[in-house]
């Protein structure tokens, strides 16, 4: 790239141009500043939001945030503790909005004010299968802690709870894997343009 081309494109980060760009970004965003990437992604955000209950500093939170970035979700809500281990996100948290909700009731107020249905993803009594019917476009998919699932307080705020059908001997799967499956299921209905 010539100096003239660099000067014309304000999205480019001079430091990355000088030192190289080793970030895990698609080629389209190579050498763009973080702010420019986020601004561009903001133009095509999905209606989907995801929420993760953070009661025990679960290491899976970072992986779920990274999956949210991969599907360009509208936002990620951390319910409970504000601090979480960002290592698994591999800096993808910089490219989307992270919204702290101190309590389940705070998430419920946000959902109601913004026209979203809170959908729990957990295998609890009374839940229905994920693919039983399409997820609403304006969904907040809620994921609980690896060990205990979604808390009773947060389950009480869910309009419905869906489970991922499993056919082996295990009762549950890794929460980050479950989140990826559920987010993809929403995406097939609302984003896929094959």
C-alpha atoms as a PDB file:
ATOM      1  CA  UNK A   1       0.000   0.000   0.000  1.00  0.00           C
ATOM      2  CA  UNK A   2       1.361   3.399  -0.921  1.00  0.00           C
ATOM      3  CA  UNK A   3       1.673   6.356   1.447  1.00  0.00           C
ATOM      4  CA  UNK A   4      -1.024   8.138  -0.550  1.00  0.00           C
ATOM      5  CA  UNK A   5      -3.437   5.204  -0.125  1.00  0.00           C
ATOM      6  CA  UNK A   6      -2.744   5.119   3.618  1.00  0.00           C
ATOM      7  CA  UNK A   7      -3.421   8.820   3.970  1.00  0.00           C
ATOM      8  CA  UNK A   8      -6.740   8.531   2.113  1.00  0.00           C
ATOM      9  CA  UNK A   9      -8.189   5.736   4.259  1.00  0.00           C
ATOM     10  CA  UNK A  10      -8.786   6.932   7.843  1.00  0.00           C
ATOM     11  CA  UNK A  11      -9.789   3.399   8.919  1.00  0.00           C
ATOM     12  CA  UNK A  12      -6.180   2.240   8.739  1.00  0.00           C
ATOM     13  CA  UNK A  13      -4.084   2.156  11.902  1.00  0.00           C
ATOM     14  CA  UNK A  14      -0.611   3.669  11.292  1.00  0.00           C
ATOM     15  CA  UNK A  15       0.991   1.511  13.987  1.00  0.00           C
ATOM     16  CA  UNK A  16      -0.386  -1.697  12.454  1.00  0.00           C
ATOM     17  CA  UNK A  17       0.750  -0.589   9.008  1.00  0.00           C
ATOM     18  CA  UNK A  18       4.250  -0.009  10.339  1.00  0.00           C
ATOM     19  CA  UNK A  19       4.572  -3.088  12.551  1.00  0.00           C
ATOM     20  CA  UNK A  20       2.264  -5.596  10.875  1.00  0.00           C
ATOM     21  CA  UNK A  21      -1.156  -6.892  11.833  1.00  0.00           C
ATOM     22  CA  UNK A  22      -1.153 -10.294  13.546  1.00  0.00           C
ATOM     23  CA  UNK A  23      -4.673  -9.994  14.976  1.00  0.00           C
ATOM     24  CA  UNK A  24      -7.277 -12.672  14.397  1.00  0.00           C
ATOM     25  CA  UNK A  25      -9.421 -10.577  12.041  1.00  0.00           C
ATOM     26  CA  UNK A  26     -10.791 -11.382   8.601  1.00  0.00           C
ATOM     27  CA  UNK A  27      -8.743 -10.039   5.691  1.00  0.00           C
ATOM     28  CA  UNK A  28     -11.248  -7.256   5.058  1.00  0.00           C
ATOM     29  CA  UNK A  29     -10.290  -5.699   8.425  1.00  0.00           C
ATOM     30  CA  UNK A  30      -6.546  -6.191   8.167  1.00  0.00           C
ATOM     31  CA  UNK A  31      -4.746  -3.018   9.302  1.00  0.00           C
ATOM     32  CA  UNK A  32      -7.992  -1.286  10.346  1.00  0.00           C
ATOM     33  CA  UNK A  33      -8.100   0.344  13.791  1.00  0.00           C
ATOM     34  CA  UNK A  34     -10.245  -1.296  16.471  1.00  0.00           C
ATOM     35  CA  UNK A  35     -12.588   1.704  16.385  1.00  0.00           C
ATOM     36  CA  UNK A  36     -12.997   1.450  12.604  1.00  0.00           C
ATOM     37  CA  UNK A  37     -13.757  -2.275  12.774  1.00  0.00           C
ATOM     38  CA  UNK A  38     -16.327  -1.788  15.532  1.00  0.00           C
ATOM     39  CA  UNK A  39     -17.972   1.090  13.647  1.00  0.00           C
ATOM     40  CA  UNK A  40     -18.217  -1.034  10.498  1.00  0.00           C
ATOM     41  CA  UNK A  41     -19.652  -4.001  12.408  1.00  0.00           C
ATOM     42  CA  UNK A  42     -22.185  -1.680  14.048  1.00  0.00           C
ATOM     43  CA  UNK A  43     -23.680  -1.098  10.590  1.00  0.00           C
ATOM     44  CA  UNK A  44     -24.760  -4.757  10.295  1.00  0.00           C
ATOM     45  CA  UNK A  45     -25.281  -6.001  13.862  1.00  0.00           C
ATOM     46  CA  UNK A  46     -27.676  -8.896  14.347  1.00  0.00           C
ATOM     47  CA  UNK A  47     -30.817  -8.303  16.365  1.00  0.00           C
ATOM     48  CA  UNK A  48     -29.696 -11.150  18.640  1.00  0.00           C
ATOM     49  CA  UNK A  49     -28.228 -10.384  22.053  1.00  0.00           C
ATOM     50  CA  UNK A  50     -26.675 -12.942  24.358  1.00  0.00           C
ATOM     51  CA  UNK A  51     -26.449 -12.952  28.140  1.00  0.00           C
ATOM     52  CA  UNK A  52     -24.105 -14.896  30.352  1.00  0.00           C
ATOM     53  CA  UNK A  53     -24.649 -15.266  34.054  1.00  0.00           C
ATOM     54  CA  UNK A  54     -21.356 -14.594  35.826  1.00  0.00           C
ATOM     55  CA  UNK A  55     -21.548 -15.985  39.333  1.00  0.00           C
ATOM     56  CA  UNK A  56     -18.268 -17.902  39.553  1.00  0.00           C
ATOM     57  CA  UNK A  57     -15.870 -16.269  37.046  1.00  0.00           C
ATOM     58  CA  UNK A  58     -16.560 -19.073  34.579  1.00  0.00           C
ATOM     59  CA  UNK A  59     -13.744 -19.324  32.017  1.00  0.00           C
ATOM     60  CA  UNK A  60     -16.287 -20.126  29.296  1.00  0.00           C
ATOM     61  CA  UNK A  61     -17.520 -16.530  29.228  1.00  0.00           C
ATOM     62  CA  UNK A  62     -14.645 -15.458  26.981  1.00  0.00           C
ATOM     63  CA  UNK A  63     -15.409 -18.245  24.507  1.00  0.00           C
ATOM     64  CA  UNK A  64     -19.068 -17.257  24.395  1.00  0.00           C
ATOM     65  CA  UNK A  65     -18.125 -13.617  23.771  1.00  0.00           C
ATOM     66  CA  UNK A  66     -15.850 -14.755  20.935  1.00  0.00           C
ATOM     67  CA  UNK A  67     -18.729 -16.721  19.378  1.00  0.00           C
ATOM     68  CA  UNK A  68     -20.970 -13.667  19.756  1.00  0.00           C
ATOM     69  CA  UNK A  69     -18.411 -11.661  17.799  1.00  0.00           C
ATOM     70  CA  UNK A  70     -18.258 -14.345  15.098  1.00  0.00           C
ATOM     71  CA  UNK A  71     -22.011 -13.923  14.541  1.00  0.00           C
ATOM     72  CA  UNK A  72     -21.881 -10.115  15.021  1.00  0.00           C
ATOM     73  CA  UNK A  73     -24.495 -10.105  17.785  1.00  0.00           C
ATOM     74  CA  UNK A  74     -26.021  -6.837  18.874  1.00  0.00           C
ATOM     75  CA  UNK A  75     -24.526  -7.078  22.352  1.00  0.00           C
ATOM     76  CA  UNK A  76     -23.370  -9.310  25.167  1.00  0.00           C
ATOM     77  CA  UNK A  77     -24.834  -8.917  28.643  1.00  0.00           C
ATOM     78  CA  UNK A  78     -22.814 -10.057  31.634  1.00  0.00           C
ATOM     79  CA  UNK A  79     -25.315 -10.720  34.430  1.00  0.00           C
ATOM     80  CA  UNK A  80     -23.871 -10.700  37.936  1.00  0.00           C
ATOM     81  CA  UNK A  81     -20.202 -10.032  38.549  1.00  0.00           C
ATOM     82  CA  UNK A  82     -18.788  -7.325  36.306  1.00  0.00           C
ATOM     83  CA  UNK A  83     -15.289  -8.829  36.161  1.00  0.00           C
ATOM     84  CA  UNK A  84     -14.716 -11.836  33.932  1.00  0.00           C
ATOM     85  CA  UNK A  85     -11.732 -13.622  32.408  1.00  0.00           C
ATOM     86  CA  UNK A  86     -11.281 -12.083  28.954  1.00  0.00           C
ATOM     87  CA  UNK A  87      -8.520 -14.454  27.852  1.00  0.00           C
ATOM     88  CA  UNK A  88     -10.901 -16.790  26.021  1.00  0.00           C
ATOM     89  CA  UNK A  89     -12.416 -13.877  24.091  1.00  0.00           C
ATOM     90  CA  UNK A  90      -9.073 -13.307  22.347  1.00  0.00           C
ATOM     91  CA  UNK A  91      -9.748  -9.523  22.313  1.00  0.00           C
ATOM     92  CA  UNK A  92     -13.006  -9.936  20.366  1.00  0.00           C
ATOM     93  CA  UNK A  93     -14.745  -8.103  23.224  1.00  0.00           C
ATOM     94  CA  UNK A  94     -13.317  -4.885  21.762  1.00  0.00           C
ATOM     95  CA  UNK A  95     -15.497  -5.222  18.673  1.00  0.00           C
ATOM     96  CA  UNK A  96     -18.923  -5.445  20.324  1.00  0.00           C
ATOM     97  CA  UNK A  97     -20.887  -3.911  23.176  1.00  0.00           C
ATOM     98  CA  UNK A  98     -20.491  -5.574  26.570  1.00  0.00           C
ATOM     99  CA  UNK A  99     -23.344  -4.527  28.862  1.00  0.00           C
ATOM    100  CA  UNK A 100     -23.191  -5.215  32.587  1.00  0.00           C
ATOM    101  CA  UNK A 101     -26.460  -6.175  34.260  1.00  0.00           C
ATOM    102  CA  UNK A 102     -25.912  -6.472  38.038  1.00  0.00           C
ATOM    103  CA  UNK A 103     -29.032  -8.600  38.635  1.00  0.00           C
ATOM    104  CA  UNK A 104     -31.439 -10.711  36.538  1.00  0.00           C
ATOM    105  CA  UNK A 105     -34.122  -8.047  37.069  1.00  0.00           C
ATOM    106  CA  UNK A 106     -31.822  -5.491  35.395  1.00  0.00           C
ATOM    107  CA  UNK A 107     -31.589  -7.703  32.303  1.00  0.00           C
ATOM    108  CA  UNK A 108     -35.382  -8.115  32.330  1.00  0.00           C
ATOM    109  CA  UNK A 109     -35.889  -4.341  32.468  1.00  0.00           C
ATOM    110  CA  UNK A 110     -33.459  -3.840  29.561  1.00  0.00           C
ATOM    111  CA  UNK A 111     -35.232  -6.552  27.540  1.00  0.00           C
ATOM    112  CA  UNK A 112     -38.671  -5.076  28.137  1.00  0.00           C
ATOM    113  CA  UNK A 113     -37.534  -1.523  27.355  1.00  0.00           C
ATOM    114  CA  UNK A 114     -35.950  -2.685  24.084  1.00  0.00           C
ATOM    115  CA  UNK A 115     -38.578  -5.204  22.925  1.00  0.00           C
ATOM    116  CA  UNK A 116     -36.591  -8.410  23.492  1.00  0.00           C
ATOM    117  CA  UNK A 117     -37.683 -11.879  24.605  1.00  0.00           C
ATOM    118  CA  UNK A 118     -35.379 -13.547  27.125  1.00  0.00           C
ATOM    119  CA  UNK A 119     -34.832 -17.161  26.104  1.00  0.00           C
ATOM    120  CA  UNK A 120     -32.977 -19.455  28.492  1.00  0.00           C
ATOM    121  CA  UNK A 121     -30.807 -22.211  27.046  1.00  0.00           C
ATOM    122  CA  UNK A 122     -30.728 -24.970  29.650  1.00  0.00           C
ATOM    123  CA  UNK A 123     -32.014 -28.497  30.155  1.00  0.00           C
ATOM    124  CA  UNK A 124     -34.455 -27.943  32.994  1.00  0.00           C
ATOM    125  CA  UNK A 125     -37.923 -29.454  33.580  1.00  0.00           C
ATOM    126  CA  UNK A 126     -40.524 -27.944  31.269  1.00  0.00           C
ATOM    127  CA  UNK A 127     -38.081 -26.757  28.598  1.00  0.00           C
ATOM    128  CA  UNK A 128     -38.694 -27.346  24.887  1.00  0.00           C
ATOM    129  CA  UNK A 129     -36.248 -28.361  22.183  1.00  0.00           C
ATOM    130  CA  UNK A 130     -34.215 -25.606  20.553  1.00  0.00           C
ATOM    131  CA  UNK A 131     -35.541 -26.395  17.071  1.00  0.00           C
ATOM    132  CA  UNK A 132     -39.173 -26.928  18.145  1.00  0.00           C
ATOM    133  CA  UNK A 133     -40.006 -23.535  16.663  1.00  0.00           C
ATOM    134  CA  UNK A 134     -37.981 -20.576  15.356  1.00  0.00           C
ATOM    135  CA  UNK A 135     -36.419 -18.361  17.995  1.00  0.00           C
ATOM    136  CA  UNK A 136     -37.778 -14.803  17.985  1.00  0.00           C
ATOM    137  CA  UNK A 137     -35.596 -12.396  16.014  1.00  0.00           C
ATOM    138  CA  UNK A 138     -35.334 -10.042  18.987  1.00  0.00           C
ATOM    139  CA  UNK A 139     -34.047 -12.669  21.400  1.00  0.00           C
ATOM    140  CA  UNK A 140     -31.617 -12.511  24.274  1.00  0.00           C
ATOM    141  CA  UNK A 141     -30.259 -16.028  24.582  1.00  0.00           C
ATOM    142  CA  UNK A 142     -29.270 -16.651  28.202  1.00  0.00           C
ATOM    143  CA  UNK A 143     -26.539 -19.051  29.288  1.00  0.00           C
ATOM    144  CA  UNK A 144     -25.766 -20.037  32.861  1.00  0.00           C
ATOM    145  CA  UNK A 145     -22.688 -21.235  34.679  1.00  0.00           C
ATOM    146  CA  UNK A 146     -20.951 -24.401  33.573  1.00  0.00           C
ATOM    147  CA  UNK A 147     -21.592 -26.171  36.876  1.00  0.00           C
ATOM    148  CA  UNK A 148     -25.112 -25.088  37.867  1.00  0.00           C
ATOM    149  CA  UNK A 149     -26.798 -23.758  34.750  1.00  0.00           C
ATOM    150  CA  UNK A 150     -29.028 -20.695  34.887  1.00  0.00           C
ATOM    151  CA  UNK A 151     -29.926 -19.506  38.390  1.00  0.00           C
ATOM    152  CA  UNK A 152     -33.568 -19.752  39.542  1.00  0.00           C
ATOM    153  CA  UNK A 153     -33.706 -15.922  39.647  1.00  0.00           C
ATOM    154  CA  UNK A 154     -32.661 -15.603  36.017  1.00  0.00           C
ATOM    155  CA  UNK A 155     -34.841 -18.553  34.913  1.00  0.00           C
ATOM    156  CA  UNK A 156     -37.821 -16.686  36.392  1.00  0.00           C
ATOM    157  CA  UNK A 157     -37.129 -13.804  33.971  1.00  0.00           C
ATOM    158  CA  UNK A 158     -37.114 -16.068  30.875  1.00  0.00           C
ATOM    159  CA  UNK A 159     -40.109 -16.030  28.547  1.00  0.00           C
ATOM    160  CA  UNK A 160     -39.225 -19.627  27.723  1.00  0.00           C
ATOM    161  CA  UNK A 161     -36.403 -22.121  28.102  1.00  0.00           C
ATOM    162  CA  UNK A 162     -35.021 -24.265  25.282  1.00  0.00           C
ATOM    163  CA  UNK A 163     -32.719 -27.254  25.434  1.00  0.00           C
ATOM    164  CA  UNK A 164     -30.343 -28.715  22.890  1.00  0.00           C
ATOM    165  CA  UNK A 165     -31.426 -32.321  22.294  1.00  0.00           C
ATOM    166  CA  UNK A 166     -28.610 -34.778  22.994  1.00  0.00           C
ATOM    167  CA  UNK A 167     -28.455 -38.423  22.063  1.00  0.00           C
ATOM    168  CA  UNK A 168     -25.492 -39.783  24.019  1.00  0.00           C
ATOM    169  CA  UNK A 169     -25.001 -40.687  27.665  1.00  0.00           C
ATOM    170  CA  UNK A 170     -24.059 -37.264  29.047  1.00  0.00           C
ATOM    171  CA  UNK A 171     -26.663 -35.057  30.720  1.00  0.00           C
ATOM    172  CA  UNK A 172     -25.060 -31.805  29.599  1.00  0.00           C
ATOM    173  CA  UNK A 173     -22.402 -30.282  27.357  1.00  0.00           C
ATOM    174  CA  UNK A 174     -19.878 -27.499  27.751  1.00  0.00           C
ATOM    175  CA  UNK A 175     -21.711 -24.167  28.041  1.00  0.00           C
ATOM    176  CA  UNK A 176     -19.524 -22.519  25.399  1.00  0.00           C
ATOM    177  CA  UNK A 177     -20.368 -25.333  22.962  1.00  0.00           C
ATOM    178  CA  UNK A 178     -24.071 -25.026  23.825  1.00  0.00           C
ATOM    179  CA  UNK A 179     -23.922 -21.274  23.238  1.00  0.00           C
ATOM    180  CA  UNK A 180     -22.320 -21.766  19.819  1.00  0.00           C
ATOM    181  CA  UNK A 181     -25.051 -24.229  18.817  1.00  0.00           C
ATOM    182  CA  UNK A 182     -27.887 -21.969  20.008  1.00  0.00           C
ATOM    183  CA  UNK A 183     -26.423 -18.832  18.415  1.00  0.00           C
ATOM    184  CA  UNK A 184     -25.970 -20.726  15.142  1.00  0.00           C
ATOM    185  CA  UNK A 185     -29.554 -21.991  15.324  1.00  0.00           C
ATOM    186  CA  UNK A 186     -30.803 -18.383  15.644  1.00  0.00           C
ATOM    187  CA  UNK A 187     -28.502 -17.342  12.809  1.00  0.00           C
ATOM    188  CA  UNK A 188     -29.801 -19.982  10.382  1.00  0.00           C
ATOM    189  CA  UNK A 189     -33.278 -18.497  10.742  1.00  0.00           C
ATOM    190  CA  UNK A 190     -32.416 -14.798  10.843  1.00  0.00           C
ATOM    191  CA  UNK A 191     -29.001 -14.234   9.186  1.00  0.00           C
ATOM    192  CA  UNK A 192     -28.348 -17.006   6.665  1.00  0.00           C
ATOM    193  CA  UNK A 193     -28.803 -15.811   3.121  1.00  0.00           C
ATOM    194  CA  UNK A 194     -27.628 -18.904   1.207  1.00  0.00           C
END
